[in-house]
Amino acid sequence: MRHFRTATGAFLNPSNRFGVDYRAEAASFAPPPVPIVDAHSHVHGTEAARILRDSMDLYGIERIHSMTRLADVESIRGVLGDRIRFIAVPDFGDPDRRAAHGPRFLESIKHFRAAGAEVCKFWAAPRGVDFGHEVGEPRLLALDAPHRRAAMDEAASLGMSFMAHVADPDTWFATKYADRSRYGSKRDHYEPLERLLTEYRVPWIVAHMGGSPEDLGFLSSLLQAHPNLHLDASATKWMVRELSKHPPADLRAFMARWQGRILFGSDIVTNDDHLRGGEKRNEMAAKASDRESAFDLYASRYWALRALWETDWELESPISDPDLAMVDPARHPHDAPALRGAALPPEVLATFYRGAAGKFSPA
């Protein structure tokens, strides 16, 4: 087993539990079989984007696809140039939520498309119910709500593909979503998705291994039933925790069977607030407090994902995973799961790392 320890055994931060040098650690990996495309991220803040660019350079990431606010597209493009592609998203910070996810999003889709966006995102996580309840409209973010269909119609008319976030980790359904009368069961969230996959025959990406990395058999049934369905393998902590539980041979067989239908992604979120400490910070901003911890936050995701997909290492993840403590009070929020590498063969890696993304955004 590969171990990560500082000389003193000191714990430094949740993205670097063992105090490693992620710049030096990049040399642990052989060059990837192809330059890597990260199909799922959230790049905000020009200073943070420069730090992200450094981690991309080190870990072989040639291009990244981002859900960046429309107002920030040009400033982020100014940092990353041709290395970034944009995914159309509503403005979740708009205080008028009904307008932001209704008529304003229809207008935004046009502007995103003019800026080169080729994919439109529809976020429908179960916690969207709470987001809608806060403004008296529980179905505000329901995937099949009329205003969301209108956005799908607009995006499809512009030749765009769709991305969706459906469901969330099993650990969350066992805890924060335990009220089935409010959130339903996990499988309930796939019913509107399957209807829309049939209704809108455009290519779809369903994020975070389709929302069910815990159940490869279920994912295979979805992929078999819907030829226009693709998955991205973003959300690093979730993927490491759950995919490492599968026997590596089973995960390799799944990835080989669905070669071309699964895209590499990280779900990295960058923010200039990561570079500035302070007491009044939201959950995302609190993940880093200076340039070095921001670099660790971004680089750790690429380190862990490349270890998961390329190697046969068995080790404890260097990234804290609070979900473990959610379901087991005996665990500490900074504990981490095992990371067990799948050691995908080069031809499968090449398609996963780059080829599959070409269907949605040609180089």
Protein backbone atom coordinates (compact mmCIF):
# COMPACT_ATOMS: atom_id res chain seq x y z
CA MET A 1 0.00 0.00 0.00
CA ARG A 2 1.22 3.50 -0.84
CA HIS A 3 1.21 5.77 2.24
CA PHE A 4 1.24 9.54 2.52
CA ARG A 5 2.87 11.05 5.60
CA THR A 6 4.81 14.17 6.42
CA ALA A 7 8.00 13.72 8.39
CA THR A 8 6.07 14.48 11.59
CA GLY A 9 2.82 12.82 10.58
CA ALA A 10 1.14 16.24 10.73
CA PHE A 11 -2.30 16.81 9.22
CA LEU A 12 -2.40 19.95 7.09
CA ASN A 13 -5.74 20.46 5.35
CA PRO A 14 -8.76 18.47 4.11
CA SER A 15 -7.41 18.34 0.56
CA ASN A 16 -3.97 17.20 1.69
CA ARG A 17 -4.39 15.09 4.80
CA PHE A 18 -0.80 13.86 4.75
CA GLY A 19 0.99 17.00 3.68
CA VAL A 20 2.34 15.83 0.34
CA ASP A 21 3.74 18.05 -2.37
CA TYR A 22 1.20 17.68 -5.19
CA ARG A 23 3.65 19.30 -7.60
CA ALA A 24 6.19 16.58 -6.96
CA GLU A 25 3.48 13.90 -6.81
CA ALA A 26 2.49 14.61 -10.42
CA ALA A 27 5.64 12.77 -11.43
CA SER A 28 4.23 9.59 -9.85
CA PHE A 29 2.13 9.07 -12.96
CA ALA A 30 3.28 8.02 -16.39
CA PRO A 31 2.14 10.40 -19.15
CA PRO A 32 -1.54 9.73 -19.89
CA PRO A 33 -2.24 7.92 -23.18
CA VAL A 34 -3.87 11.11 -24.51
CA PRO A 35 -4.19 14.70 -23.28
CA ILE A 36 -7.08 14.70 -20.79
CA VAL A 37 -10.37 16.59 -21.16
CA ASP A 38 -12.11 17.45 -17.88
CA ALA A 39 -15.78 17.51 -18.89
CA HIS A 40 -17.23 18.82 -15.62
CA SER A 41 -16.03 21.75 -13.51
CA HIS A 42 -17.07 25.12 -12.11
CA VAL A 43 -14.37 27.71 -12.82
CA HIS A 44 -14.84 31.09 -11.15
CA GLY A 45 -12.34 33.82 -10.32
CA THR A 46 -9.42 34.81 -12.50
CA GLU A 47 -6.78 34.40 -9.77
CA ALA A 48 -8.12 30.95 -8.89
CA ALA A 49 -8.27 30.03 -12.58
CA ARG A 50 -4.53 30.70 -12.87
CA ILE A 51 -3.86 28.30 -10.00
CA LEU A 52 -6.15 25.75 -11.61
CA ARG A 53 -4.16 26.15 -14.84
CA ASP A 54 -1.00 25.20 -12.95
CA SER A 55 -2.60 21.99 -11.68
CA MET A 56 -3.93 21.23 -15.17
CA ASP A 57 -0.43 21.58 -16.59
CA LEU A 58 1.02 19.23 -13.99
CA TYR A 59 -1.63 16.53 -14.30
CA GLY A 60 -2.03 16.37 -18.07
CA ILE A 61 -5.36 18.21 -18.40
CA GLU A 62 -5.42 19.82 -21.81
CA ARG A 63 -8.97 21.23 -21.73
CA ILE A 64 -11.69 21.82 -19.16
CA HIS A 65 -15.44 22.31 -19.53
CA SER A 66 -16.95 24.68 -17.00
CA MET A 67 -20.25 25.89 -15.62
CA THR A 68 -19.04 29.48 -15.28
CA ARG A 69 -21.39 32.40 -14.68
CA LEU A 70 -22.29 34.08 -17.95
CA ALA A 71 -20.97 37.43 -16.73
CA ASP A 72 -17.56 35.85 -16.07
CA VAL A 73 -17.13 33.89 -19.29
CA GLU A 74 -14.85 36.37 -21.02
CA SER A 75 -12.64 37.02 -17.99
CA ILE A 76 -12.12 33.28 -17.44
CA ARG A 77 -11.47 32.79 -21.15
CA GLY A 78 -8.84 35.50 -20.81
CA VAL A 79 -6.94 33.23 -18.40
CA LEU A 80 -7.49 29.81 -19.98
CA GLY A 81 -8.00 30.73 -23.64
CA ASP A 82 -8.76 27.79 -25.90
CA ARG A 83 -8.29 25.39 -22.99
CA ILE A 84 -11.78 26.08 -21.65
CA ARG A 85 -15.26 25.36 -23.00
CA PHE A 86 -18.40 26.67 -21.32
CA ILE A 87 -21.62 24.92 -20.29
CA ALA A 88 -24.79 27.01 -20.11
CA VAL A 89 -26.22 27.36 -16.60
CA PRO A 90 -28.75 29.62 -14.89
CA ASP A 91 -27.59 32.30 -12.46
CA PHE A 92 -28.10 30.62 -9.09
CA GLY A 93 -27.12 33.86 -7.36
CA ASP A 94 -30.00 35.83 -8.88
CA PRO A 95 -32.37 36.80 -6.03
CA ASP A 96 -35.37 36.38 -8.35
CA ARG A 97 -35.19 32.60 -8.60
CA ARG A 98 -38.35 32.21 -10.66
CA ALA A 99 -37.04 34.56 -13.33
CA ALA A 100 -33.49 33.19 -13.16
CA HIS A 101 -34.66 29.65 -13.93
CA GLY A 102 -37.40 30.76 -16.32
CA PRO A 103 -37.30 33.62 -18.84
CA ARG A 104 -33.84 34.88 -17.88
CA PHE A 105 -32.34 31.46 -18.47
CA LEU A 106 -33.92 31.32 -21.92
CA GLU A 107 -32.06 34.51 -22.78
CA SER A 108 -28.87 33.29 -21.14
CA ILE A 109 -28.87 30.11 -23.23
CA LYS A 110 -28.69 32.22 -26.39
CA HIS A 111 -25.77 34.23 -25.02
CA PHE A 112 -23.93 31.11 -23.86
CA ARG A 113 -24.40 29.58 -27.30
CA ALA A 114 -23.02 32.73 -28.93
CA ALA A 115 -20.01 32.42 -26.60
CA GLY A 116 -19.37 28.90 -27.90
CA ALA A 117 -21.21 26.77 -25.34
CA GLU A 118 -22.30 23.43 -26.81
CA VAL A 119 -23.92 21.91 -23.70
CA CYS A 120 -26.78 23.19 -21.52
CA LYS A 121 -26.96 22.09 -17.87
CA PHE A 122 -30.15 21.18 -15.97
CA TRP A 123 -29.47 20.79 -12.25
CA ALA A 124 -32.11 18.63 -10.57
CA ALA A 125 -30.51 17.38 -7.37
CA PRO A 126 -32.98 16.38 -4.62
CA ARG A 127 -31.94 19.39 -2.52
CA GLY A 128 -33.43 21.51 -5.29
CA VAL A 129 -36.75 20.83 -3.55
CA ASP A 130 -35.53 22.99 -0.65
CA PHE A 131 -34.31 25.66 -3.08
CA GLY A 132 -37.79 25.82 -4.59
CA HIS A 133 -39.67 25.67 -1.28
CA GLU A 134 -37.83 28.79 -0.15
CA VAL A 135 -39.65 30.78 -2.85
CA GLY A 136 -42.93 28.88 -2.64
CA GLU A 137 -42.36 26.79 -5.76
CA PRO A 138 -41.25 23.26 -4.83
CA ARG A 139 -40.99 22.19 -8.49
CA LEU A 140 -38.81 25.13 -9.49
CA LEU A 141 -35.91 22.77 -10.30
CA ALA A 142 -37.89 19.66 -11.17
CA LEU A 143 -36.28 18.26 -14.29
CA ASP A 144 -39.60 17.98 -16.16
CA ALA A 145 -41.21 21.24 -15.02
CA PRO A 146 -42.75 23.28 -17.89
CA HIS A 147 -40.22 26.13 -17.68
CA ARG A 148 -37.38 23.62 -17.81
CA ARG A 149 -38.86 21.96 -20.86
CA ALA A 150 -38.99 25.42 -22.43
CA ALA A 151 -35.26 25.79 -21.74
CA MET A 152 -34.64 22.35 -23.24
CA ASP A 153 -36.61 23.34 -26.33
CA GLU A 154 -34.49 26.48 -26.67
CA ALA A 155 -31.21 24.65 -26.21
CA ALA A 156 -32.17 21.88 -28.61
CA SER A 157 -33.20 24.44 -31.23
CA LEU A 158 -29.68 25.90 -31.00
CA GLY A 159 -28.06 22.51 -31.54
CA MET A 160 -26.93 22.04 -27.96
CA SER A 161 -26.54 18.82 -26.00
CA PHE A 162 -27.87 18.47 -22.44
CA MET A 163 -26.23 17.81 -19.09
CA ALA A 164 -28.23 16.90 -15.98
CA HIS A 165 -27.58 16.30 -12.32
CA VAL A 166 -30.01 13.67 -11.08
CA ALA A 167 -29.98 12.06 -7.62
CA ASP A 168 -27.20 12.28 -5.03
CA PRO A 169 -25.08 9.90 -2.94
CA ASP A 170 -26.70 6.97 -1.15
CA THR A 171 -25.16 8.40 2.03
CA TRP A 172 -27.33 11.49 1.62
CA PHE A 173 -30.52 9.51 1.04
CA ALA A 174 -29.75 7.69 4.28
CA THR A 175 -29.37 10.97 6.18
CA LYS A 176 -30.27 14.42 4.85
CA TYR A 177 -32.90 13.02 2.43
CA ALA A 178 -34.40 10.56 4.90
CA ASP A 179 -37.82 12.29 4.64
CA ARG A 180 -39.24 10.36 1.68
CA SER A 181 -42.44 12.43 1.74
CA ARG A 182 -40.33 15.46 0.79
CA TYR A 183 -37.51 14.01 -1.32
CA GLY A 184 -38.85 10.67 -2.56
CA SER A 185 -36.62 7.65 -3.03
CA LYS A 186 -33.44 7.76 -5.06
CA ARG A 187 -34.99 5.78 -7.90
CA ASP A 188 -37.91 8.24 -8.05
CA HIS A 189 -35.51 10.84 -9.42
CA TYR A 190 -34.78 8.76 -12.51
CA GLU A 191 -38.39 8.59 -13.72
CA PRO A 192 -38.51 12.09 -15.25
CA LEU A 193 -35.00 11.63 -16.62
CA GLU A 194 -35.98 8.50 -18.53
CA ARG A 195 -39.05 10.20 -19.99
CA LEU A 196 -36.98 13.17 -21.14
CA LEU A 197 -34.24 10.98 -22.60
CA THR A 198 -36.92 9.56 -24.88
CA GLU A 199 -38.58 12.89 -25.61
CA TYR A 200 -35.37 14.82 -26.33
CA ARG A 201 -33.17 12.68 -28.54
CA VAL A 202 -30.17 14.97 -28.23
CA PRO A 203 -27.03 13.58 -26.56
CA TRP A 204 -27.27 13.78 -22.77
CA ILE A 205 -24.56 13.69 -20.10
CA VAL A 206 -25.80 12.72 -16.65
CA ALA A 207 -23.26 13.94 -14.15
CA HIS A 208 -21.49 12.12 -11.34
CA MET A 209 -21.64 8.64 -12.86
CA GLY A 210 -25.34 9.15 -13.45
CA GLY A 211 -25.84 9.85 -9.75
CA SER A 212 -25.38 6.14 -8.93
CA PRO A 213 -21.72 5.09 -8.81
CA GLU A 214 -22.88 2.76 -6.05
CA ASP A 215 -24.79 0.55 -8.54
CA LEU A 216 -23.04 -0.29 -11.78
CA GLY A 217 -25.79 -2.73 -12.77
CA PHE A 218 -28.40 0.00 -12.60
CA LEU A 219 -26.21 2.31 -14.69
CA SER A 220 -25.79 -0.42 -17.30
CA SER A 221 -29.55 -0.81 -17.52
CA LEU A 222 -29.95 2.93 -18.13
CA LEU A 223 -27.21 3.01 -20.76
CA GLN A 224 -28.69 -0.03 -22.47
CA ALA A 225 -32.17 1.49 -22.58
CA HIS A 226 -31.12 4.97 -23.78
CA PRO A 227 -28.54 5.16 -26.59
CA ASN A 228 -28.36 8.96 -26.27
CA LEU A 229 -27.30 8.74 -22.60
CA HIS A 230 -23.71 9.40 -21.49
CA LEU A 231 -22.26 9.70 -18.00
CA ASP A 232 -19.47 11.79 -16.58
CA ALA A 233 -17.39 10.48 -13.69
CA SER A 234 -17.05 13.77 -11.81
CA ALA A 235 -17.34 14.50 -8.05
CA THR A 236 -13.98 13.26 -6.83
CA LYS A 237 -14.75 12.36 -3.22
CA TRP A 238 -17.95 10.54 -4.20
CA MET A 239 -16.28 8.63 -7.02
CA VAL A 240 -13.28 7.60 -4.92
CA ARG A 241 -15.47 6.43 -2.05
CA GLU A 242 -18.00 4.42 -4.05
CA LEU A 243 -16.10 3.21 -7.11
CA SER A 244 -13.31 1.90 -4.89
CA LYS A 245 -15.84 -0.43 -3.25
CA HIS A 246 -16.35 -2.34 -6.51
CA PRO A 247 -13.89 -5.11 -7.34
CA PRO A 248 -11.43 -3.51 -9.79
CA ALA A 249 -12.18 -6.18 -12.38
CA ASP A 250 -15.88 -5.30 -12.27
CA LEU A 251 -15.18 -1.59 -12.69
CA ARG A 252 -12.79 -2.30 -15.58
CA ALA A 253 -15.43 -4.46 -17.27
CA PHE A 254 -18.06 -1.74 -16.86
CA MET A 255 -15.79 0.94 -18.30
CA ALA A 256 -14.80 -1.29 -21.24
CA ARG A 257 -18.41 -2.24 -21.98
CA TRP A 258 -19.51 1.40 -22.10
CA GLN A 259 -16.41 2.81 -23.74
CA GLY A 260 -17.32 6.05 -25.49
CA ARG A 261 -20.33 6.65 -23.25
CA ILE A 262 -18.45 7.75 -20.10
CA LEU A 263 -16.49 11.00 -19.81
CA PHE A 264 -13.75 12.00 -17.39
CA GLY A 265 -14.65 14.88 -15.06
CA SER A 266 -13.55 16.34 -11.75
CA ASP A 267 -16.28 18.71 -10.46
CA ILE A 268 -13.53 21.05 -9.29
CA VAL A 269 -14.95 24.38 -8.10
CA THR A 270 -12.54 27.33 -8.20
CA ASN A 271 -13.19 30.65 -6.52
CA ASP A 272 -11.06 33.67 -5.71
CA ASP A 273 -12.41 33.44 -2.15
CA HIS A 274 -10.22 30.33 -1.83
CA LEU A 275 -7.21 32.66 -1.82
CA ARG A 276 -8.40 34.87 1.02
CA GLY A 277 -9.09 33.65 4.55
CA GLY A 278 -11.77 35.20 6.71
CA GLU A 279 -14.41 34.39 9.28
CA LYS A 280 -17.56 34.98 7.24
CA ARG A 281 -17.14 32.35 4.56
CA ASN A 282 -19.59 30.00 2.91
CA GLU A 283 -19.01 26.25 2.72
CA MET A 284 -17.36 26.33 -0.69
CA ALA A 285 -15.12 29.31 0.10
CA ALA A 286 -13.98 27.66 3.34
CA LYS A 287 -12.35 24.77 1.46
CA ALA A 288 -9.15 26.82 1.05
CA SER A 289 -7.75 30.00 2.55
CA ASP A 290 -4.62 30.94 0.58
CA ARG A 291 -2.84 30.19 -2.69
CA GLU A 292 -1.18 27.00 -1.49
CA SER A 293 -4.32 25.46 0.00
CA ALA A 294 -6.23 26.44 -3.15
CA PHE A 295 -3.62 24.67 -5.26
CA ASP A 296 -3.92 21.61 -3.02
CA LEU A 297 -7.71 21.72 -3.36
CA TYR A 298 -7.57 21.64 -7.16
CA ALA A 299 -4.52 19.40 -7.65
CA SER A 300 -5.71 16.82 -5.11
CA ARG A 301 -8.73 16.08 -7.28
CA TYR A 302 -6.60 15.33 -10.31
CA TRP A 303 -4.17 13.30 -8.23
CA ALA A 304 -6.95 11.17 -6.74
CA LEU A 305 -8.78 10.66 -10.04
CA ARG A 306 -5.69 9.64 -11.96
CA ALA A 307 -4.78 7.25 -9.13
CA LEU A 308 -8.30 5.80 -9.25
CA TRP A 309 -8.38 5.26 -13.00
CA GLU A 310 -4.77 4.55 -13.97
CA THR A 311 -3.10 2.69 -11.13
CA ASP A 312 -3.48 -0.47 -9.10
CA TRP A 313 -2.61 1.35 -5.87
CA GLU A 314 -4.51 0.60 -2.67
CA LEU A 315 -4.27 3.42 -0.15
CA GLU A 316 -6.21 5.80 2.02
CA SER A 317 -7.43 8.83 0.10
CA PRO A 318 -5.53 12.04 0.87
CA ILE A 319 -8.86 13.97 0.72
CA SER A 320 -11.19 14.19 3.73
CA ASP A 321 -14.65 12.78 3.13
CA PRO A 322 -17.27 13.98 5.66
CA ASP A 323 -19.87 11.60 4.18
CA LEU A 324 -18.27 8.80 6.19
CA ALA A 325 -19.20 10.53 9.43
CA MET A 326 -22.71 11.25 8.15
CA VAL A 327 -23.54 7.55 8.17
CA ASP A 328 -21.19 6.43 10.97
CA PRO A 329 -20.94 8.78 13.98
CA ALA A 330 -17.81 6.94 15.08
CA ARG A 331 -15.96 8.39 12.09
CA HIS A 332 -14.28 11.81 12.14
CA PRO A 333 -15.26 14.38 9.47
CA HIS A 334 -11.66 14.38 8.27
CA ASP A 335 -11.50 10.61 7.83
CA ALA A 336 -11.14 9.30 4.29
CA PRO A 337 -12.10 6.12 2.47
CA ALA A 338 -9.89 3.60 0.76
CA LEU A 339 -8.84 4.45 -2.77
CA ARG A 340 -8.45 1.33 -4.87
CA GLY A 341 -7.14 1.86 -8.38
CA ALA A 342 -8.98 0.30 -11.33
CA ALA A 343 -5.91 0.24 -13.63
CA LEU A 344 -7.90 0.79 -16.82
CA PRO A 345 -6.14 -0.43 -19.98
CA PRO A 346 -4.67 2.31 -22.20
CA GLU A 347 -7.28 2.00 -24.96
CA VAL A 348 -10.14 2.41 -22.48
CA LEU A 349 -8.36 5.29 -20.76
CA ALA A 350 -7.83 7.06 -24.08
CA THR A 351 -11.54 7.05 -24.88
CA PHE A 352 -12.54 7.93 -21.33
CA TYR A 353 -10.00 10.74 -20.98
CA ARG A 354 -10.60 12.34 -24.37
CA GLY A 355 -12.48 10.47 -27.07
CA ALA A 356 -15.90 10.48 -25.42
CA ALA A 357 -15.80 14.25 -24.84
CA GLY A 358 -15.28 14.82 -28.54
CA LYS A 359 -18.95 14.01 -29.16
CA PHE A 360 -19.92 17.08 -27.17
CA SER A 361 -17.14 19.53 -27.96
CA PRO A 362 -14.74 18.70 -30.79
CA ALA A 363 -11.16 19.84 -30.24
